[in-house]
Amino acid sequence: MHQFLQQIFSGLAAGAIYASLALALVMIYRATDLVNFAQGEMAMFSTYIAWTLVNAEVPFWGAFLITLVVSFVGGMLIERVVIRPVENAPVLAAVVVTIGLLLIFNSTAGWIYSYTVQDFPSPFPDRPLFGALMTTRDLGVIAVTLAMLILLFVFFRFTATGLAMRAAAQNPDSARLCGIRVGRMLAIGWGLAAAIGATAGIMVAPVLFLDPNMMGGVLIYAFAGALLGGITSPVGAVVGGLIVGVTENLVGTYLIASQLKLTVAFALIILVLVFRPNGLFGTAIVRRV
């Protein structure tokens, strides 16, 4: 029973990271109907920026905040320079662009930092809590994720910019008629998604170690969480990410070898697409033709 509870709490910590990246995927999908396949590599590159700052003796949380700002600005620039020119192009063209971004970020990180695995410091000590059911590091990761989600909720619920972003995502034409600059809102959305992804990368790097390929598996788990919760639902992305984290741990411990845990994410993706394409919290989109 102790091991079972331990796997659940550990899965919640991993799921919090998947939830962060899933939330970034959902934000961009709601705004542009586009899955950003480069989201994981953008997060990885941001994590390298944080690692560089920490090695330059910048305090961890100072490096964390600087990285979020740099990631936010970088996300806005990507939307403005790379994504906006293809926003009216066929969907396949936009998908190819995001895959191209994935390869560019991966190869650039390898060129600048090499493919050598690096240690990334954790801001939280790794001490057991609650009878060794979880560690202080797990609790810290969950706390950071929850704090970020609360800030996002307040932003979208109570600020003028957040409300404008929601309007621009739900009905761009009506938002324009109300005087909302939809293009600017989309750029801000990409910036926020990049900052959220950077948070996920910084939180997961002390566990996985830092290298240019570290976010490949995390992105698959996050994508599974986003689909499970509903690719159009921010709440669903969080719930789906947590479910995927716990499921991955339990299945990898009791049913299959740990080396095959990634297959759990692929199986979830297939099952959701076959039996419930809208996910747990997503809604079907009906268009008049």
Protein backbone atom coordinates (compact mmCIF):
# COMPACT_ATOMS: atom_id res chain seq x y z
CA MET A 1 0.00 0.00 0.00
CA HIS A 2 2.88 2.36 0.84
CA GLN A 3 4.46 1.79 -2.57
CA PHE A 4 1.11 2.38 -4.28
CA LEU A 5 0.65 5.74 -2.53
CA GLN A 6 4.27 6.63 -3.22
CA GLN A 7 3.76 6.06 -6.94
CA ILE A 8 0.61 8.21 -6.91
CA PHE A 9 2.34 11.16 -5.23
CA SER A 10 5.38 10.82 -7.48
CA GLY A 11 3.04 10.64 -10.49
CA LEU A 12 1.34 13.86 -9.40
CA ALA A 13 4.71 15.64 -9.39
CA ALA A 14 5.50 14.37 -12.90
CA GLY A 15 1.93 15.09 -13.98
CA ALA A 16 2.26 18.70 -12.81
CA ILE A 17 5.08 19.15 -15.32
CA TYR A 18 3.10 17.45 -18.08
CA ALA A 19 0.15 19.68 -17.16
CA SER A 20 2.27 22.81 -17.60
CA LEU A 21 3.41 21.83 -21.08
CA ALA A 22 -0.08 20.58 -21.98
CA LEU A 23 -1.47 23.95 -20.95
CA ALA A 24 0.99 25.67 -23.29
CA LEU A 25 -0.14 23.40 -26.14
CA VAL A 26 -3.80 24.15 -25.40
CA MET A 27 -3.24 27.92 -25.28
CA ILE A 28 -1.72 27.95 -28.75
CA TYR A 29 -4.28 25.50 -30.16
CA ARG A 30 -7.21 27.57 -28.90
CA ALA A 31 -5.77 30.72 -30.43
CA THR A 32 -4.60 29.35 -33.77
CA ASP A 33 -6.03 25.81 -34.22
CA LEU A 34 -2.40 24.72 -34.43
CA VAL A 35 -0.48 22.12 -32.43
CA ASN A 36 2.97 23.54 -31.74
CA PHE A 37 5.26 20.54 -32.13
CA ALA A 38 8.21 22.77 -31.19
CA GLN A 39 6.82 23.51 -27.71
CA GLY A 40 9.10 21.00 -26.01
CA GLU A 41 12.22 22.19 -27.82
CA MET A 42 11.39 25.81 -27.02
CA ALA A 43 11.15 24.79 -23.35
CA MET A 44 14.47 22.96 -23.61
CA PHE A 45 16.22 25.98 -25.11
CA SER A 46 14.80 28.20 -22.37
CA THR A 47 16.12 25.75 -19.78
CA TYR A 48 19.60 26.11 -21.27
CA ILE A 49 19.26 29.88 -20.85
CA ALA A 50 18.44 29.36 -17.17
CA TRP A 51 21.38 26.94 -16.84
CA THR A 52 23.72 29.53 -18.36
CA LEU A 53 22.51 32.18 -15.94
CA VAL A 54 22.86 29.88 -12.93
CA ASN A 55 26.41 28.99 -14.00
CA ALA A 56 27.09 32.74 -14.19
CA GLU A 57 26.25 32.81 -10.45
CA VAL A 58 22.83 34.41 -10.86
CA PRO A 59 20.60 33.22 -7.98
CA PHE A 60 18.29 30.41 -9.08
CA TRP A 61 15.01 32.29 -8.76
CA GLY A 62 16.52 35.36 -10.40
CA ALA A 63 17.62 33.16 -13.32
CA PHE A 64 14.14 31.63 -13.35
CA LEU A 65 12.41 35.01 -13.68
CA ILE A 66 14.87 36.28 -16.30
CA THR A 67 14.35 33.10 -18.32
CA LEU A 68 10.58 33.53 -18.20
CA VAL A 69 10.89 37.10 -19.52
CA VAL A 70 13.28 36.04 -22.29
CA SER A 71 11.01 33.11 -23.20
CA PHE A 72 7.95 35.37 -23.28
CA VAL A 73 9.65 37.83 -25.65
CA GLY A 74 11.01 34.96 -27.75
CA GLY A 75 7.56 33.38 -28.06
CA MET A 76 6.09 36.69 -29.24
CA LEU A 77 8.86 37.08 -31.82
CA ILE A 78 8.31 33.55 -33.11
CA GLU A 79 4.62 34.23 -33.59
CA ARG A 80 5.25 37.56 -35.28
CA VAL A 81 8.13 36.48 -37.56
CA VAL A 82 7.53 32.78 -38.25
CA ILE A 83 3.90 31.87 -37.54
CA ARG A 84 1.99 34.94 -38.69
CA PRO A 85 3.12 34.69 -42.35
CA VAL A 86 1.57 31.20 -42.57
CA GLU A 87 -1.54 31.79 -40.43
CA ASN A 88 -3.78 31.70 -43.53
CA ALA A 89 -1.83 28.94 -45.25
CA PRO A 90 -3.02 25.30 -45.30
CA VAL A 91 -2.77 23.53 -41.95
CA LEU A 92 -0.04 21.24 -43.26
CA ALA A 93 2.19 24.24 -44.00
CA ALA A 94 1.86 25.51 -40.43
CA VAL A 95 2.57 22.03 -39.05
CA VAL A 96 5.72 21.78 -41.17
CA VAL A 97 6.81 25.18 -39.84
CA THR A 98 6.51 24.04 -36.21
CA ILE A 99 8.39 20.82 -37.01
CA GLY A 100 11.06 22.96 -38.63
CA LEU A 101 11.24 25.05 -35.45
CA LEU A 102 11.66 21.85 -33.44
CA LEU A 103 14.67 20.83 -35.52
CA ILE A 104 16.16 24.33 -35.45
CA PHE A 105 15.97 24.63 -31.67
CA ASN A 106 17.32 21.12 -31.15
CA SER A 107 20.27 21.49 -33.50
CA THR A 108 21.06 25.02 -32.31
CA ALA A 109 21.14 23.87 -28.68
CA GLY A 110 23.41 20.98 -29.66
CA TRP A 111 25.69 23.34 -31.58
CA ILE A 112 25.95 25.90 -28.78
CA TYR A 113 25.92 23.64 -25.71
CA SER A 114 26.87 20.25 -27.24
CA TYR A 115 24.91 17.05 -26.68
CA THR A 116 26.73 16.27 -23.44
CA VAL A 117 24.37 15.63 -20.54
CA GLN A 118 24.58 18.40 -17.93
CA ASP A 119 23.50 18.54 -14.30
CA PHE A 120 20.82 21.12 -13.58
CA PRO A 121 20.46 22.35 -10.00
CA SER A 122 17.19 21.95 -8.18
CA PRO A 123 15.91 24.81 -6.03
CA PHE A 124 14.31 22.30 -3.68
CA PRO A 125 16.11 19.85 -1.37
CA ASP A 126 15.43 16.19 -1.97
CA ARG A 127 14.22 15.14 1.49
CA PRO A 128 11.44 12.61 2.19
CA LEU A 129 8.07 13.86 3.42
CA PHE A 130 4.93 12.22 4.83
CA GLY A 131 6.61 8.94 5.63
CA ALA A 132 8.64 8.95 2.39
CA LEU A 133 5.49 9.13 0.26
CA MET A 134 6.97 12.10 -1.59
CA THR A 135 9.98 14.40 -1.45
CA THR A 136 10.37 18.11 -0.88
CA ARG A 137 11.40 18.38 -4.53
CA ASP A 138 8.13 16.80 -5.68
CA LEU A 139 6.18 19.13 -3.40
CA GLY A 140 8.11 22.13 -4.72
CA VAL A 141 7.38 21.21 -8.34
CA ILE A 142 3.68 20.84 -7.58
CA ALA A 143 3.67 24.17 -5.69
CA VAL A 144 5.34 26.05 -8.55
CA THR A 145 2.90 24.56 -11.06
CA LEU A 146 -0.12 25.43 -8.91
CA ALA A 147 1.15 28.98 -8.39
CA MET A 148 1.57 29.41 -12.14
CA LEU A 149 -1.93 28.05 -12.81
CA ILE A 150 -3.46 30.39 -10.21
CA LEU A 151 -1.68 33.38 -11.75
CA LEU A 152 -2.95 32.39 -15.19
CA PHE A 153 -6.50 32.02 -13.89
CA VAL A 154 -6.37 35.48 -12.32
CA PHE A 155 -4.86 36.92 -15.51
CA PHE A 156 -7.52 35.50 -17.83
CA ARG A 157 -10.40 36.08 -15.44
CA PHE A 158 -9.77 39.53 -14.03
CA THR A 159 -7.46 41.52 -16.35
CA ALA A 160 -8.43 43.44 -19.48
CA THR A 161 -5.66 41.83 -21.52
CA GLY A 162 -6.66 38.35 -20.38
CA LEU A 163 -10.30 38.94 -21.26
CA ALA A 164 -9.26 40.33 -24.65
CA MET A 165 -7.14 37.23 -25.29
CA ARG A 166 -10.09 34.98 -24.47
CA ALA A 167 -12.32 36.96 -26.84
CA ALA A 168 -9.72 36.88 -29.61
CA ALA A 169 -9.34 33.10 -29.25
CA GLN A 170 -13.09 32.38 -29.20
CA ASN A 171 -14.22 34.71 -31.98
CA PRO A 172 -11.51 36.73 -33.74
CA ASP A 173 -13.92 38.54 -36.11
CA SER A 174 -16.18 39.77 -33.31
CA ALA A 175 -13.13 40.73 -31.25
CA ARG A 176 -11.85 42.89 -34.10
CA LEU A 177 -15.21 44.64 -34.33
CA CYS A 178 -14.88 45.44 -30.62
CA GLY A 179 -11.52 47.10 -31.22
CA ILE A 180 -9.33 44.26 -29.93
CA ARG A 181 -6.01 43.89 -31.73
CA VAL A 182 -6.23 40.17 -32.40
CA GLY A 183 -2.71 39.91 -33.80
CA ARG A 184 -1.23 41.36 -30.62
CA MET A 185 -3.32 38.99 -28.50
CA LEU A 186 -2.04 36.00 -30.47
CA ALA A 187 1.55 37.16 -29.99
CA ILE A 188 0.97 37.50 -26.24
CA GLY A 189 -0.55 34.02 -26.22
CA TRP A 190 2.58 32.57 -27.84
CA GLY A 191 4.71 34.46 -25.34
CA LEU A 192 2.75 33.08 -22.39
CA ALA A 193 2.91 29.56 -23.82
CA ALA A 194 6.69 29.87 -24.19
CA ALA A 195 7.02 31.07 -20.58
CA ILE A 196 4.82 28.22 -19.30
CA GLY A 197 6.89 25.73 -21.29
CA ALA A 198 10.08 27.23 -19.83
CA THR A 199 8.67 26.62 -16.35
CA ALA A 200 8.07 22.97 -17.21
CA GLY A 201 11.60 22.61 -18.62
CA ILE A 202 13.26 24.17 -15.57
CA MET A 203 11.25 21.99 -13.20
CA VAL A 204 11.93 18.74 -15.05
CA ALA A 205 15.63 19.31 -15.84
CA PRO A 206 16.90 18.38 -12.33
CA VAL A 207 15.13 15.02 -12.70
CA LEU A 208 15.98 14.15 -16.31
CA PHE A 209 19.31 16.00 -16.57
CA LEU A 210 19.83 18.64 -19.22
CA ASP A 211 20.49 17.80 -22.87
CA PRO A 212 18.99 18.92 -26.21
CA ASN A 213 16.72 15.86 -26.41
CA MET A 214 15.38 15.93 -22.86
CA MET A 215 11.88 17.23 -23.70
CA GLY A 216 11.03 14.71 -26.42
CA GLY A 217 9.31 12.24 -24.09
CA VAL A 218 7.86 15.01 -21.92
CA LEU A 219 6.16 16.56 -24.96
CA ILE A 220 4.53 13.22 -25.83
CA TYR A 221 3.19 12.86 -22.28
CA ALA A 222 1.99 16.48 -22.36
CA PHE A 223 0.30 15.93 -25.72
CA ALA A 224 -1.42 12.84 -24.30
CA GLY A 225 -2.58 14.91 -21.31
CA ALA A 226 -3.88 17.71 -23.54
CA LEU A 227 -5.83 15.25 -25.68
CA LEU A 228 -7.16 13.35 -22.68
CA GLY A 229 -8.39 16.52 -20.97
CA GLY A 230 -9.55 18.15 -24.19
CA ILE A 231 -7.29 20.08 -26.53
CA THR A 232 -9.58 23.12 -26.24
CA SER A 233 -9.82 23.12 -22.42
CA PRO A 234 -7.15 24.67 -20.13
CA VAL A 235 -8.70 22.91 -17.13
CA GLY A 236 -8.71 19.67 -19.09
CA ALA A 237 -5.01 20.10 -19.89
CA VAL A 238 -4.19 20.30 -16.18
CA VAL A 239 -6.40 17.36 -15.21
CA GLY A 240 -5.21 15.31 -18.18
CA GLY A 241 -1.56 15.97 -17.38
CA LEU A 242 -2.02 14.84 -13.78
CA ILE A 243 -3.89 11.70 -14.88
CA VAL A 244 -1.15 10.84 -17.37
CA GLY A 245 1.55 11.31 -14.73
CA VAL A 246 -0.16 9.01 -12.22
CA THR A 247 -1.11 6.44 -14.87
CA GLU A 248 2.42 6.33 -16.25
CA ASN A 249 3.85 5.65 -12.78
CA LEU A 250 1.32 2.99 -11.82
CA VAL A 251 1.43 1.13 -15.12
CA GLY A 252 5.23 1.31 -15.25
CA THR A 253 5.46 -0.08 -11.71
CA TYR A 254 2.83 -2.83 -11.73
CA LEU A 255 2.07 -3.81 -15.33
CA ILE A 256 4.96 -3.25 -17.73
CA ALA A 257 8.71 -2.65 -17.64
CA SER A 258 9.75 0.92 -16.84
CA GLN A 259 11.51 1.12 -20.22
CA LEU A 260 8.11 0.81 -21.91
CA LYS A 261 6.37 3.60 -19.99
CA LEU A 262 6.39 5.86 -23.04
CA THR A 263 4.03 3.42 -24.73
CA VAL A 264 1.43 4.39 -22.12
CA ALA A 265 1.31 7.90 -23.58
CA PHE A 266 0.96 6.60 -27.14
CA ALA A 267 -1.77 4.18 -26.05
CA LEU A 268 -3.67 7.02 -24.35
CA ILE A 269 -3.37 9.19 -27.47
CA ILE A 270 -4.78 6.40 -29.66
CA LEU A 271 -7.59 5.54 -27.24
CA VAL A 272 -8.69 9.15 -26.86
CA LEU A 273 -8.63 9.82 -30.61
CA VAL A 274 -10.63 6.66 -31.30
CA PHE A 275 -13.21 6.73 -28.50
CA ARG A 276 -13.43 10.34 -27.26
CA PRO A 277 -11.78 12.80 -29.66
CA ASN A 278 -12.97 15.82 -27.65
CA GLY A 279 -11.37 14.57 -24.43
CA LEU A 280 -12.84 14.71 -20.94
CA PHE A 281 -13.51 18.47 -20.86
CA GLY A 282 -13.35 19.47 -24.51
CA THR A 283 -16.39 20.48 -26.52
CA ALA A 284 -17.28 19.53 -30.04
CA ILE A 285 -16.94 22.39 -32.52
CA VAL A 286 -19.93 22.67 -34.83
CA ARG A 287 -19.64 24.74 -37.99
CA ARG A 288 -22.47 25.67 -40.33
CA VAL A 289 -21.68 24.75 -43.93
